Amino acid sequence: NLESDRAVPLLLASGDLLGNILVWNVTQPHTQVASFTDTKLGAVLDLQWMRGRHTRHLLVAVHYPNHLVVYNTRTG
C-alpha cells in the first residue's frame, strides 16, 4: 500500500548468475542501497522481500544449488 507507506522507500532487488545481489531505491535508480557478494554461493535463483511491518528490509534469496540466505538491506 504505497499511500499509507510514503516514508518507506520503494526498493528493487536483482540477482545474477554469479551470486551477486544489488538493491536500489526505485526513485533514485543510480544509487545502490545495498550490494551483496559471496563467492561461495552459487547463482541467485529467486528473491523475495519478507512481508511484515518490521521486516521490510529483509531480503530472502535462494542460491544454487540449495542455499537459503536472509540479507539485511539496512545493515549489509
Protein backbone atom coordinates (compact mmCIF):
# COMPACT_ATOMS: atom_id res chain seq x y z
CA ASN A 1 0.00 0.00 0.00
CA LEU A 2 2.02 2.95 -1.29
CA GLU A 3 -0.39 5.58 0.04
CA SER A 4 -0.03 4.56 3.69
CA ASP A 5 3.73 3.84 3.49
CA ARG A 6 5.12 7.02 1.95
CA ALA A 7 8.03 7.00 4.44
CA VAL A 8 9.11 3.52 3.30
CA PRO A 9 11.33 3.62 0.20
CA LEU A 10 10.31 1.57 -2.83
CA LEU A 11 13.19 -0.88 -3.29
CA LEU A 12 14.13 -3.15 -6.19
CA ALA A 13 16.44 -6.14 -5.80
CA SER A 14 18.17 -8.08 -8.56
CA GLY A 15 20.42 -11.13 -8.57
CA ASP A 16 22.70 -12.68 -11.17
CA LEU A 17 24.31 -15.98 -12.12
CA LEU A 18 27.47 -15.16 -10.17
CA GLY A 19 25.53 -14.82 -6.91
CA ASN A 20 25.64 -11.02 -6.74
CA ILE A 21 22.63 -9.14 -5.34
CA LEU A 22 22.05 -5.41 -5.83
CA VAL A 23 19.33 -3.34 -4.15
CA TRP A 24 18.20 0.08 -5.44
CA ASN A 25 15.73 2.73 -4.39
CA VAL A 26 13.38 2.95 -7.39
CA THR A 27 13.05 6.72 -7.07
CA GLN A 28 16.86 7.08 -7.24
CA PRO A 29 17.90 4.31 -9.66
CA HIS A 30 21.55 5.36 -9.96
CA THR A 31 22.19 4.97 -6.23
CA GLN A 32 22.62 1.50 -4.76
CA VAL A 33 21.07 0.90 -1.34
CA ALA A 34 22.99 -2.33 -0.74
CA SER A 35 25.03 -4.96 -2.54
CA PHE A 36 25.89 -8.49 -1.51
CA THR A 37 28.58 -10.76 -2.95
CA ASP A 38 29.70 -14.13 -1.66
CA THR A 39 31.92 -16.23 -3.91
CA LYS A 40 30.95 -19.39 -2.01
CA LEU A 41 27.31 -19.12 -3.02
CA GLY A 42 26.01 -20.01 -6.47
CA ALA A 43 23.64 -18.27 -8.84
CA VAL A 44 20.65 -16.39 -7.45
CA LEU A 45 17.59 -18.48 -8.32
CA ASP A 46 14.92 -16.42 -6.55
CA LEU A 47 14.49 -13.28 -4.43
CA GLN A 48 11.62 -12.34 -2.14
CA TRP A 49 11.12 -9.49 0.30
CA MET A 50 9.94 -10.60 3.74
CA ARG A 51 6.46 -9.27 4.40
CA GLY A 52 5.80 -7.65 7.71
CA ARG A 53 5.81 -4.27 9.32
CA HIS A 54 9.25 -4.68 10.91
CA THR A 55 10.86 -7.00 8.34
CA ARG A 56 10.55 -4.99 5.10
CA HIS A 57 14.33 -4.52 4.98
CA LEU A 58 14.96 -8.28 4.93
CA LEU A 59 15.51 -9.95 1.58
CA VAL A 60 15.40 -13.74 1.20
CA ALA A 61 17.45 -15.31 -1.59
CA VAL A 62 17.69 -18.85 -2.90
CA HIS A 63 21.17 -19.58 -4.27
CA TYR A 64 22.12 -22.58 -6.39
CA PRO A 65 22.08 -25.45 -5.54
CA ASN A 66 20.10 -25.24 -2.28
CA HIS A 67 21.12 -22.30 -0.10
CA LEU A 68 18.53 -20.09 1.57
CA VAL A 69 20.00 -16.79 2.77
CA VAL A 70 18.38 -13.84 4.53
CA TYR A 71 20.01 -10.46 3.79
CA ASN A 72 19.55 -7.35 5.91
CA THR A 73 19.49 -4.42 3.47
CA ARG A 74 19.78 -1.86 6.29
CA THR A 75 22.97 -3.14 7.86
CA GLY A 76 24.51 -5.07 4.95
